[in-house]
Amino acid sequence: MSAHWPIIRQLVAHPSRLLVLDDQKHWKAYELLAAAFHVASAIEKHSTASHVGIMLPTSGLFPVAALASWMLGRVIVPLNYLLKGEDLQYVCDDAELDAIVTVQPMLDFVGFEPSGCAMIKLEDLNFTGVPEPRWPAIRSRDDLATLLYTSGTSGRPKGVMLTHGNLRSNVLQSVEWAGFGTGDSMLGVLPQFHSFGLTVLTLVPLTVGLPVYFTAKFMPRRIVQMIRKRRPTAMVAIPSMYNALLTVKDGSPEDFASLRYVVAGGEPLPDAVAEAFEERFGVRIAEGYGLTETSPVSHWCRPFEFKRHSVGRPVPGVQTRIVDPEEHECPPGSDGEIRLAGPNIMKGYYRLPEESRSAFDDRGYFRTGDMGHVDENGFLYITGRIKEMMIIAGENVFPREIEEVLNRHPSVSASAVFGIMDPSRGEVPISYVELVEDADFDEVGIRAFCREHLAQYKVPREILHAAEGLPRNPTGKILHRELKANYGKSAEVGA
C-alpha cells in the first residue's frame, strides 16, 4: 500500500480533527488535505520530473508538500537545508530535480537558490480558493516514495531509496511496538529531512490521527514550555537535545510527567546525560536504533522492558544477525557487525548499483557498519562503528568506551575520540572535549580522571579543547572523521 493512502483516509474520515500545531498555524485535517490539493496543482504547473524537492522548516507545511507530491505519483526528496551550498546543489543535481517546494525564509536561510530548479514558494500560492480535488495516485509497495540523502560524512551524500512499502512497514512496526493511539500526542523537534523526523514524527502521527506539535528551531526553554503547555505523550530527540534541556533552570519533573515515551536516537546516549536527566526530571530516556537505510526504526527499548545501554529488541518483522569478520554468526554477548533484514530495509542507493549490491550480504541482510552484540533475550547493544574501531596494543577499543568516561568528568559536556597510527602500539587514542559553561580546561585533571576509570592503554595520548564546540552534522552527530582529518592543524578546534 502507498505510504500516503492511510493518511488520506485519516484526513477524510476525521476532517475537523486538529492534527498539527506548528510555529505559525494550527492545522485541522481538512486544512492539510485542501492545502495538499493546492500544492499539487502548483507542482504540476512547474515540474515534469518524477522527483520533487522539499525544503521546508519543521512544520505542517512538510506533510502538505509530501502528500501533494505523492498524490501526483512523484517521489519526494527532502532537502537538508543545513548542508553546504555545494553539497545541496549536488543533491539537487543527483536527484534530477526540476522544482523545489519551499518558502522564502528558508531560501534566505540557505543563502542561495539551487540552479536548474523552479522554486515553488508556498507563500505565493492562493490557499483560499476552492482547490482541485485529487484522486491520490495508487503506488505499489515496491515503488519509490522518497530519496533521503545521507549527510555525507565521508564523500558525497548518497540517496537512500525508500519505497512506499518501506515507509508503510516502518510506520506499522512503530505503531504496533509502541501501541500508539489517538490518545497519544507527539513533540516534533527533529528536522523532517531526517529519517526519524519523516517517519516517526510526521508519518506515524498522521497515519494514526494523533496530534503532533512541531517547532522549527530547537530552543531548550521553548521546548520545556511546549511540553508544559501541550502535554505530549511521546518525544523523540537526539542526545545533545536532552543534554541542552538540562540547562533550563526552571524545568521540573512535573513538566515531563505527561511523557510515556522519551526516546533518544541518532547516536549513543551518554551515561552522564541519561543519569542527569533521570535525576533532574525523573524521566528515564530509552534508546532506539535505526538508520536512514532502515526507514529508520529497527530497534526500540520500551520503558517497561528497559535495559541501560541497550537499544532494545527488534520491532516486529526485523531480523538481526551479528556476524564476525569470517562471516560466522556470533553467540550472545559476542561483538560483531550488526546486520538487518525486514520490510523496512531500503531498496538501495540511487544511481549507485555497485554500492547497493555491496550493502547487502549473501543472505540479503543489510550491512549496517555498526558493531554490537545481543544478549540471551534479544536485546541489542551498540559498541561502535567498525570504521572507528581502534586496535591499541592488539586490543580492540571503541571510542564510545573512552568517551563515556570523559563525559562523566564534571567539566566535560561532550567528547570525541579517534585513533591515530603509532609505530609501537598500532594506534593510540586522541580526544577532544567540550566544556560545561564557565569550566576551565584542565588537561592534567581530566587525564588523571581517565586513569582512574580506564586501563592505561585506553587513556588518550592527547586531550584537546574544542574551544568552538565539536563539529556536528545537521542532526547533531559528532563528526569524528572531520576531527581526525583536521588533527594537528591546530591545537584547539575552532582556534
Protein backbone atom coordinates (compact mmCIF):
# COMPACT_ATOMS: atom_id res chain seq x y z
CA MET A 1 0.00 0.00 0.00
CA SER A 2 1.14 3.54 -0.69
CA ALA A 3 2.50 5.40 2.31
CA HIS A 4 0.03 8.25 1.81
CA TRP A 5 -3.23 6.32 1.43
CA PRO A 6 -3.76 5.66 5.17
CA ILE A 7 -3.09 9.35 5.83
CA ILE A 8 -5.60 10.44 3.19
CA ARG A 9 -8.19 8.11 4.71
CA GLN A 10 -7.50 9.57 8.16
CA LEU A 11 -7.90 13.16 6.86
CA VAL A 12 -11.17 12.35 5.07
CA ALA A 13 -12.65 10.32 7.94
CA HIS A 14 -11.96 12.99 10.61
CA PRO A 15 -11.89 16.34 8.77
CA SER A 16 -12.31 18.51 11.87
CA ARG A 17 -9.66 16.79 13.97
CA LEU A 18 -6.76 19.05 14.99
CA LEU A 19 -3.67 17.18 13.84
CA VAL A 20 -0.75 19.58 13.56
CA LEU A 21 0.28 22.60 15.61
CA ASP A 22 3.41 24.40 14.45
CA ASP A 23 5.07 27.77 14.97
CA GLN A 24 2.67 29.51 12.57
CA LYS A 25 -0.61 27.62 12.38
CA HIS A 26 -2.97 25.05 13.83
CA TRP A 27 -3.92 22.56 11.12
CA LYS A 28 -7.15 20.59 11.10
CA ALA A 29 -7.33 17.52 8.90
CA TYR A 30 -9.36 19.14 6.12
CA GLU A 31 -6.91 22.07 6.01
CA LEU A 32 -3.97 19.73 5.44
CA LEU A 33 -5.86 17.96 2.66
CA ALA A 34 -7.05 21.14 0.96
CA ALA A 35 -3.58 22.67 1.11
CA ALA A 36 -2.13 19.50 -0.43
CA PHE A 37 -4.56 19.83 -3.36
CA HIS A 38 -3.39 23.41 -3.94
CA VAL A 39 0.29 22.45 -3.78
CA ALA A 40 -0.29 19.52 -6.14
CA SER A 41 -1.64 21.94 -8.74
CA ALA A 42 1.45 24.16 -8.32
CA ILE A 43 3.78 21.19 -8.70
CA GLU A 44 2.03 20.12 -11.91
CA LYS A 45 2.43 23.64 -13.24
CA HIS A 46 6.16 23.96 -12.53
CA SER A 47 7.53 20.41 -12.65
CA THR A 48 7.62 17.49 -15.05
CA ALA A 49 10.32 15.48 -13.25
CA SER A 50 9.47 12.33 -11.31
CA HIS A 51 11.24 13.71 -8.20
CA VAL A 52 10.14 16.78 -6.21
CA GLY A 53 12.43 18.59 -3.78
CA ILE A 54 11.04 19.71 -0.42
CA MET A 55 12.98 22.32 1.54
CA LEU A 56 10.78 23.46 4.41
CA PRO A 57 11.12 24.13 8.13
CA THR A 58 9.78 21.55 10.57
CA SER A 59 6.06 22.28 10.37
CA GLY A 60 2.72 21.25 8.92
CA LEU A 61 3.91 22.52 5.55
CA PHE A 62 6.14 19.47 5.11
CA PRO A 63 3.37 16.83 5.16
CA VAL A 64 1.31 19.10 2.89
CA ALA A 65 4.11 19.13 0.31
CA ALA A 66 4.77 15.40 0.70
CA LEU A 67 1.11 14.47 0.29
CA ALA A 68 0.81 16.76 -2.74
CA SER A 69 3.77 15.07 -4.40
CA TRP A 70 2.57 11.55 -3.61
CA MET A 71 -0.92 12.41 -4.93
CA LEU A 72 0.76 13.03 -8.28
CA GLY A 73 2.75 9.81 -8.13
CA ARG A 74 6.02 11.71 -7.59
CA VAL A 75 8.97 10.84 -5.36
CA ILE A 76 9.80 13.29 -2.58
CA VAL A 77 13.37 14.43 -1.94
CA PRO A 78 13.55 16.16 1.47
CA LEU A 79 16.47 18.59 1.25
CA ASN A 80 18.86 19.10 4.13
CA TYR A 81 18.95 22.89 4.33
CA LEU A 82 21.93 22.73 6.71
CA LEU A 83 24.25 21.32 4.07
CA LYS A 84 26.94 23.44 2.48
CA GLY A 85 25.82 25.05 -0.76
CA GLU A 86 27.91 22.81 -2.98
CA ASP A 87 26.56 19.66 -1.32
CA LEU A 88 22.99 20.91 -1.59
CA GLN A 89 23.48 21.63 -5.27
CA TYR A 90 24.99 18.17 -5.72
CA VAL A 91 21.90 16.57 -4.15
CA CYS A 92 19.58 18.55 -6.44
CA ASP A 93 21.59 17.52 -9.48
CA ASP A 94 21.95 13.89 -8.44
CA ALA A 95 18.22 13.58 -7.71
CA GLU A 96 17.44 15.24 -11.09
CA LEU A 97 15.15 17.83 -9.55
CA ASP A 98 13.43 20.48 -11.63
CA ALA A 99 11.38 22.01 -8.80
CA ILE A 100 11.62 22.57 -5.04
CA VAL A 101 8.70 23.28 -2.72
CA THR A 102 9.91 25.88 -0.24
CA VAL A 103 9.31 29.25 1.40
CA GLN A 104 11.30 32.45 1.03
CA PRO A 105 12.59 32.50 4.65
CA MET A 106 14.13 29.09 4.01
CA LEU A 107 15.87 30.35 0.87
CA ASP A 108 17.11 33.35 2.85
CA PHE A 109 18.47 30.98 5.50
CA VAL A 110 20.23 28.78 2.96
CA GLY A 111 21.61 31.83 1.17
CA PHE A 112 21.17 30.69 -2.41
CA GLU A 113 18.73 29.06 -4.81
CA PRO A 114 19.91 25.77 -6.33
CA SER A 115 20.30 26.19 -10.07
CA GLY A 116 18.16 24.25 -12.51
CA CYS A 117 15.14 24.16 -10.18
CA ALA A 118 11.94 26.18 -10.12
CA MET A 119 11.18 27.48 -6.63
CA ILE A 120 7.56 26.77 -5.69
CA LYS A 121 7.15 29.26 -2.84
CA LEU A 122 4.17 28.35 -0.71
CA GLU A 123 3.57 31.93 0.41
CA ASP A 124 2.89 32.84 -3.23
CA LEU A 125 0.07 30.32 -3.60
CA ASN A 126 -3.58 31.17 -3.08
CA PHE A 127 -4.85 28.75 -0.47
CA THR A 128 -8.21 30.50 -0.08
CA GLY A 129 -9.77 29.37 -3.34
CA VAL A 130 -11.52 26.09 -3.96
CA PRO A 131 -8.80 23.52 -4.68
CA GLU A 132 -8.97 20.97 -7.45
CA PRO A 133 -9.64 17.65 -5.72
CA ARG A 134 -7.18 14.87 -6.44
CA TRP A 135 -7.69 11.15 -6.60
CA PRO A 136 -4.42 10.08 -4.99
CA ALA A 137 -2.09 8.06 -7.18
CA ILE A 138 -2.03 4.35 -6.47
CA ARG A 139 1.51 3.11 -5.99
CA SER A 140 2.73 -0.41 -5.32
CA ARG A 141 4.76 -1.17 -2.22
CA ASP A 142 7.86 -1.52 -4.40
CA ASP A 143 7.52 1.94 -5.96
CA LEU A 144 9.94 4.57 -4.75
CA ALA A 145 8.45 7.01 -2.22
CA THR A 146 11.43 9.10 -1.15
CA LEU A 147 15.11 9.71 -1.64
CA LEU A 148 16.74 10.57 1.67
CA TYR A 149 20.29 11.76 1.23
CA THR A 150 22.82 10.81 3.87
CA SER A 151 24.75 13.64 5.46
CA GLY A 152 27.90 12.69 3.59
CA THR A 153 30.46 12.49 6.41
CA SER A 154 32.64 10.50 4.01
CA GLY A 155 32.39 11.52 0.37
CA ARG A 156 29.33 12.86 -1.39
CA PRO A 157 25.83 12.37 0.04
CA LYS A 158 24.13 9.17 -1.12
CA GLY A 159 20.46 8.94 -1.97
CA VAL A 160 18.80 6.21 0.08
CA MET A 161 15.87 4.80 -1.89
CA LEU A 162 12.92 4.06 0.37
CA THR A 163 9.79 2.60 -1.16
CA HIS A 164 6.17 3.10 -0.19
CA GLY A 165 6.34 -0.39 1.31
CA ASN A 166 9.42 0.53 3.37
CA LEU A 167 7.75 3.61 4.87
CA ARG A 168 4.38 1.97 5.36
CA SER A 169 6.02 -1.04 7.05
CA ASN A 170 8.06 1.10 9.43
CA VAL A 171 5.01 3.15 10.38
CA LEU A 172 3.10 -0.03 11.21
CA GLN A 173 6.10 -1.52 13.05
CA SER A 174 6.49 1.61 15.19
CA VAL A 175 2.78 1.87 15.96
CA GLU A 176 2.50 -1.80 16.94
CA TRP A 177 5.67 -1.72 19.06
CA ALA A 178 4.72 1.45 20.94
CA GLY A 179 0.96 0.92 20.98
CA PHE A 180 0.28 4.43 19.72
CA GLY A 181 -3.36 5.54 19.60
CA THR A 182 -5.44 8.69 19.26
CA GLY A 183 -4.96 9.34 22.97
CA ASP A 184 -1.29 9.99 22.31
CA SER A 185 0.42 13.13 21.04
CA MET A 186 3.95 13.83 19.87
CA LEU A 187 6.51 16.57 20.16
CA GLY A 188 8.26 17.07 16.81
CA VAL A 189 11.67 18.67 17.25
CA LEU A 190 13.73 16.79 14.65
CA PRO A 191 14.04 18.13 11.11
CA GLN A 192 11.74 16.38 8.65
CA PHE A 193 14.52 15.85 6.14
CA HIS A 194 15.88 13.38 8.72
CA SER A 195 14.51 9.83 8.60
CA PHE A 196 13.29 9.90 12.23
CA GLY A 197 11.62 13.27 11.62
CA LEU A 198 9.93 11.97 8.48
CA THR A 199 8.71 8.55 9.63
CA VAL A 200 8.28 8.75 13.39
CA LEU A 201 7.31 12.39 13.85
CA THR A 202 5.35 13.01 10.63
CA LEU A 203 4.01 9.82 9.04
CA VAL A 204 3.23 7.96 12.28
CA PRO A 205 1.05 10.67 13.88
CA LEU A 206 -0.79 11.48 10.64
CA THR A 207 -1.45 7.79 9.94
CA VAL A 208 -2.79 7.17 13.44
CA GLY A 209 -4.60 10.52 13.64
CA LEU A 210 -2.86 11.78 16.76
CA PRO A 211 -1.77 15.42 17.17
CA VAL A 212 1.85 16.42 16.67
CA TYR A 213 3.42 19.65 17.91
CA PHE A 214 6.17 20.90 15.61
CA THR A 215 8.72 23.62 16.19
CA ALA A 216 11.26 24.66 13.59
CA LYS A 217 14.06 25.67 15.92
CA PHE A 218 15.28 23.79 18.95
CA MET A 219 15.40 26.25 21.85
CA PRO A 220 15.58 24.42 25.19
CA ARG A 221 13.45 26.82 27.20
CA ARG A 222 10.80 26.92 24.47
CA ILE A 223 10.73 23.11 24.29
CA VAL A 224 10.10 22.83 28.03
CA GLN A 225 7.35 25.44 27.73
CA MET A 226 5.74 23.47 24.89
CA ILE A 227 5.82 20.24 26.91
CA ARG A 228 4.38 22.09 29.90
CA LYS A 229 1.52 23.53 27.82
CA ARG A 230 0.74 20.77 25.30
CA ARG A 231 1.38 17.70 27.49
CA PRO A 232 2.61 15.36 24.73
CA THR A 233 2.95 11.67 25.49
CA ALA A 234 5.94 10.97 23.21
CA MET A 235 9.19 12.74 22.41
CA VAL A 236 11.98 11.55 20.11
CA ALA A 237 15.22 13.56 20.04
CA ILE A 238 18.98 13.19 19.79
CA PRO A 239 21.13 13.00 22.95
CA SER A 240 22.54 16.51 22.58
CA MET A 241 18.99 17.89 22.73
CA TYR A 242 18.33 16.14 26.03
CA ASN A 243 21.62 17.48 27.32
CA ALA A 244 20.55 21.00 26.33
CA LEU A 245 17.21 20.62 28.15
CA LEU A 246 19.18 20.16 31.37
CA THR A 247 20.21 23.83 31.11
CA VAL A 248 16.61 25.04 31.57
CA LYS A 249 16.75 26.25 35.15
CA ASP A 250 13.02 26.28 35.87
CA GLY A 251 12.35 22.85 34.35
CA SER A 252 10.82 20.38 36.78
CA PRO A 253 9.67 16.75 36.91
CA GLU A 254 6.07 17.96 36.62
CA ASP A 255 6.86 19.41 33.19
CA PHE A 256 7.76 15.96 31.85
CA ALA A 257 5.12 13.95 33.69
CA SER A 258 2.89 13.52 30.61
CA LEU A 259 5.59 11.74 28.59
CA ARG A 260 5.31 7.97 28.48
CA TYR A 261 7.90 7.64 25.72
CA VAL A 262 11.12 9.64 25.87
CA VAL A 263 13.41 8.21 23.21
CA ALA A 264 16.95 9.03 22.14
CA GLY A 265 18.28 8.06 18.73
CA GLY A 266 20.80 9.07 16.11
CA GLU A 267 23.87 8.48 18.26
CA PRO A 268 24.75 6.79 21.58
CA LEU A 269 23.19 8.30 24.69
CA PRO A 270 25.98 9.26 27.12
CA ASP A 271 25.58 7.88 30.62
CA ALA A 272 26.13 11.34 32.06
CA VAL A 273 23.14 12.72 30.14
CA ALA A 274 20.89 9.75 30.94
CA GLU A 275 21.71 9.87 34.64
CA ALA A 276 21.39 13.65 34.94
CA PHE A 277 18.03 13.65 33.10
CA GLU A 278 16.59 10.95 35.32
CA GLU A 279 17.87 12.62 38.49
CA ARG A 280 16.70 16.10 37.47
CA PHE A 281 13.36 15.37 35.82
CA GLY A 282 12.51 11.86 36.98
CA VAL A 283 12.48 10.70 33.35
CA ARG A 284 14.23 7.61 32.07
CA ILE A 285 15.40 8.08 28.47
CA ALA A 286 15.09 4.92 26.41
CA GLU A 287 17.30 4.38 23.38
CA GLY A 288 16.24 3.38 19.91
CA TYR A 289 18.29 2.32 16.93
CA GLY A 290 17.93 2.68 13.22
CA LEU A 291 19.49 4.12 10.10
CA THR A 292 18.23 6.04 7.12
CA GLU A 293 18.54 2.76 5.22
CA THR A 294 16.09 1.08 7.64
CA SER A 295 13.35 3.72 7.29
CA PRO A 296 14.64 4.18 10.13
CA VAL A 297 13.39 2.26 13.21
CA SER A 298 14.80 -1.24 13.68
CA HIS A 299 15.10 -1.48 17.50
CA TRP A 300 13.43 0.30 20.38
CA CYS A 301 13.90 -0.15 24.09
CA ARG A 302 10.42 0.27 25.53
CA PRO A 303 10.20 1.68 29.07
CA PHE A 304 8.55 -1.39 30.58
CA GLU A 305 11.46 -3.59 29.46
CA PHE A 306 14.21 -1.04 29.95
CA LYS A 307 17.85 -2.08 29.96
CA ARG A 308 20.52 0.58 30.37
CA HIS A 309 22.81 0.83 27.34
CA SER A 310 20.54 -1.36 25.22
CA VAL A 311 18.65 -0.03 22.21
CA GLY A 312 16.08 -2.74 22.81
CA ARG A 313 14.70 -5.64 20.85
CA PRO A 314 13.85 -5.51 17.13
CA VAL A 315 10.48 -4.11 16.13
CA PRO A 316 8.08 -6.62 14.53
CA GLY A 317 9.34 -8.01 11.24
CA VAL A 318 13.01 -7.08 11.69
CA GLN A 319 15.62 -9.85 11.86
CA THR A 320 19.03 -9.21 13.41
CA ARG A 321 22.31 -11.02 12.73
CA ILE A 322 25.62 -10.43 14.50
CA VAL A 323 28.48 -11.54 12.26
CA ASP A 324 32.23 -11.80 12.89
CA PRO A 325 34.87 -10.89 10.25
CA GLU A 326 34.83 -14.50 8.96
CA GLU A 327 31.05 -14.27 8.36
CA HIS A 328 30.22 -16.58 11.27
CA GLU A 329 27.22 -15.94 13.49
CA CYS A 330 28.28 -14.54 16.87
CA PRO A 331 26.85 -16.08 20.05
CA PRO A 332 25.00 -13.89 22.58
CA GLY A 333 27.34 -11.41 24.25
CA SER A 334 29.94 -11.54 21.48
CA ASP A 335 30.58 -8.45 19.35
CA GLY A 336 30.26 -8.45 15.58
CA GLU A 337 28.77 -6.42 12.76
CA ILE A 338 25.04 -5.75 13.09
CA ARG A 339 23.11 -6.86 10.01
CA LEU A 340 19.40 -6.39 9.49
CA ALA A 341 16.61 -7.71 7.30
CA GLY A 342 12.95 -6.79 7.12
CA PRO A 343 10.28 -4.99 5.07
CA ASN A 344 11.62 -1.59 6.15
CA ILE A 345 15.09 -2.07 4.62
CA MET A 346 15.91 0.24 1.71
CA LYS A 347 15.74 -0.65 -1.96
CA GLY A 348 19.31 0.60 -2.47
CA TYR A 349 21.32 3.73 -3.16
CA TYR A 350 20.16 5.92 -6.02
CA ARG A 351 22.25 5.53 -9.18
CA LEU A 352 24.88 3.57 -7.25
CA PRO A 353 24.35 -0.07 -8.27
CA GLU A 354 27.68 -1.40 -7.00
CA GLU A 355 27.31 0.26 -3.59
CA SER A 356 23.74 -1.03 -3.44
CA ARG A 357 24.87 -4.59 -4.06
CA SER A 358 27.72 -4.43 -1.56
CA ALA A 359 25.39 -3.05 1.12
CA PHE A 360 23.80 -6.49 1.49
CA ASP A 361 25.37 -9.82 2.38
CA ASP A 362 24.78 -13.16 0.67
CA ARG A 363 21.69 -13.79 2.78
CA GLY A 364 20.15 -10.44 1.87
CA TYR A 365 20.87 -8.76 5.21
CA PHE A 366 21.84 -5.08 5.22
CA ARG A 367 25.36 -4.42 6.46
CA THR A 368 24.96 -1.58 8.97
CA GLY A 369 28.67 -0.96 9.57
CA ASP A 370 27.89 -0.84 13.30
CA MET A 371 29.39 -3.21 15.86
CA GLY A 372 27.38 -4.67 18.68
CA HIS A 373 26.01 -7.75 20.38
CA VAL A 374 22.72 -9.20 21.55
CA ASP A 375 22.01 -10.78 24.91
CA GLU A 376 20.15 -14.03 25.53
CA ASN A 377 16.81 -12.21 25.31
CA GLY A 378 17.49 -10.49 22.00
CA PHE A 379 18.30 -7.04 23.37
CA LEU A 380 20.81 -5.22 21.16
CA TYR A 381 23.80 -3.28 22.46
CA ILE A 382 25.76 -0.95 20.16
CA THR A 383 29.53 -0.96 20.60
CA GLY A 384 30.59 1.47 17.89
CA ARG A 385 31.26 1.94 14.20
CA ILE A 386 33.51 -0.64 12.55
CA LYS A 387 35.49 2.09 10.80
CA GLU A 388 36.04 3.92 14.09
CA MET A 389 37.36 0.90 15.98
CA MET A 390 40.95 1.31 17.20
CA ILE A 391 43.45 -1.50 17.63
CA ILE A 392 45.67 -0.49 20.54
CA ALA A 393 48.45 -2.87 21.53
CA GLY A 394 46.50 -5.66 19.84
CA GLU A 395 43.23 -4.89 21.66
CA ASN A 396 40.01 -3.72 20.02
CA VAL A 397 38.90 -0.41 21.54
CA PHE A 398 35.88 1.67 20.55
CA PRO A 399 35.75 5.43 21.04
CA ARG A 400 32.46 5.20 22.92
CA GLU A 401 34.04 3.47 25.92
CA ILE A 402 36.57 6.27 26.37
CA GLU A 403 34.01 8.98 25.63
CA GLU A 404 31.70 7.64 28.34
CA VAL A 405 34.47 8.17 30.90
CA LEU A 406 35.38 11.62 29.59
CA ASN A 407 31.73 12.68 29.65
CA ARG A 408 31.47 11.80 33.35
CA HIS A 409 34.13 14.35 34.25
CA PRO A 410 32.35 17.32 35.87
CA SER A 411 33.98 19.83 33.50
CA VAL A 412 33.18 17.96 30.27
CA SER A 413 29.87 18.32 28.45
CA ALA A 414 30.75 16.22 25.37
CA SER A 415 33.76 14.46 23.90
CA ALA A 416 35.03 12.73 20.78
CA VAL A 417 37.78 10.15 20.48
CA PHE A 418 39.59 8.76 17.43
CA GLY A 419 42.75 6.80 16.80
CA ILE A 420 46.00 7.77 15.08
CA MET A 421 48.76 5.42 13.99
CA ASP A 422 51.64 4.74 16.36
CA PRO A 423 54.72 2.72 15.39
CA SER A 424 54.93 0.83 18.66
CA ARG A 425 51.28 0.42 19.73
CA GLY A 426 49.45 0.24 16.38
CA GLU A 427 47.09 3.07 17.29
CA VAL A 428 46.69 5.49 20.17
CA PRO A 429 43.54 7.42 21.18
CA ILE A 430 43.23 11.19 20.80
CA SER A 431 40.34 13.10 22.35
CA TYR A 432 38.65 16.47 22.05
CA VAL A 433 36.35 17.77 24.76
CA GLU A 434 33.67 20.42 25.03
CA LEU A 435 33.44 22.03 28.44
CA VAL A 436 30.44 22.87 30.54
CA GLU A 437 29.69 26.57 30.88
CA ASP A 438 32.31 28.55 32.87
CA ALA A 439 34.58 25.50 33.33
CA ASP A 440 38.33 25.83 32.87
CA PHE A 441 40.22 23.41 30.66
CA ASP A 442 42.38 21.21 32.89
CA GLU A 443 44.06 18.56 30.76
CA VAL A 444 46.04 17.16 33.69
CA GLY A 445 42.92 16.78 35.81
CA ILE A 446 40.91 15.16 33.00
CA ARG A 447 43.77 12.78 32.23
CA ALA A 448 44.00 11.78 35.90
CA PHE A 449 40.26 11.09 35.88
CA CYS A 450 40.69 8.85 32.83
CA ARG A 451 43.49 6.92 34.57
CA GLU A 452 41.14 6.20 37.48
CA HIS A 453 38.48 4.67 35.23
CA LEU A 454 40.29 3.25 32.20
CA ALA A 455 43.05 0.75 31.50
CA GLN A 456 46.28 2.61 30.85
CA TYR A 457 46.36 1.79 27.13
CA LYS A 458 42.90 3.36 26.71
CA VAL A 459 43.86 6.71 28.28
CA PRO A 460 44.03 9.33 25.47
CA ARG A 461 47.55 10.34 24.49
CA GLU A 462 46.26 13.89 23.99
CA ILE A 463 43.20 15.64 25.41
CA LEU A 464 42.44 18.79 23.43
CA HIS A 465 39.93 21.56 24.00
CA ALA A 466 37.20 22.02 21.39
CA ALA A 467 37.04 25.75 22.02
CA GLU A 468 34.29 26.42 19.46
CA GLY A 469 32.46 23.17 20.08
CA LEU A 470 32.78 19.77 18.48
CA PRO A 471 31.87 19.60 14.79
CA ARG A 472 28.47 18.02 14.23
CA ASN A 473 26.35 17.08 11.26
CA PRO A 474 22.89 18.63 10.80
CA THR A 475 21.28 16.06 13.11
CA GLY A 476 23.77 16.67 15.91
CA LYS A 477 26.04 13.66 15.44
CA ILE A 478 29.68 14.41 16.20
CA LEU A 479 31.89 14.20 13.12
CA HIS A 480 34.81 12.05 14.23
CA ARG A 481 36.24 11.91 10.70
CA GLU A 482 36.39 15.69 10.46
CA LEU A 483 38.21 15.90 13.79
CA LYS A 484 40.67 13.25 12.70
CA ALA A 485 41.24 14.92 9.31
CA ASN A 486 41.96 18.26 10.98
CA TYR A 487 44.04 16.85 13.83
CA GLY A 488 47.42 18.56 14.09
CA LYS A 489 46.37 21.63 12.10
CA SER A 490 45.52 23.49 15.29
CA ALA A 491 45.96 22.89 18.99
CA GLU A 492 42.29 23.69 19.51
CA VAL A 493 39.25 23.05 17.34
CA GLY A 494 37.97 26.38 16.14
CA ALA A 495 41.09 28.26 17.28
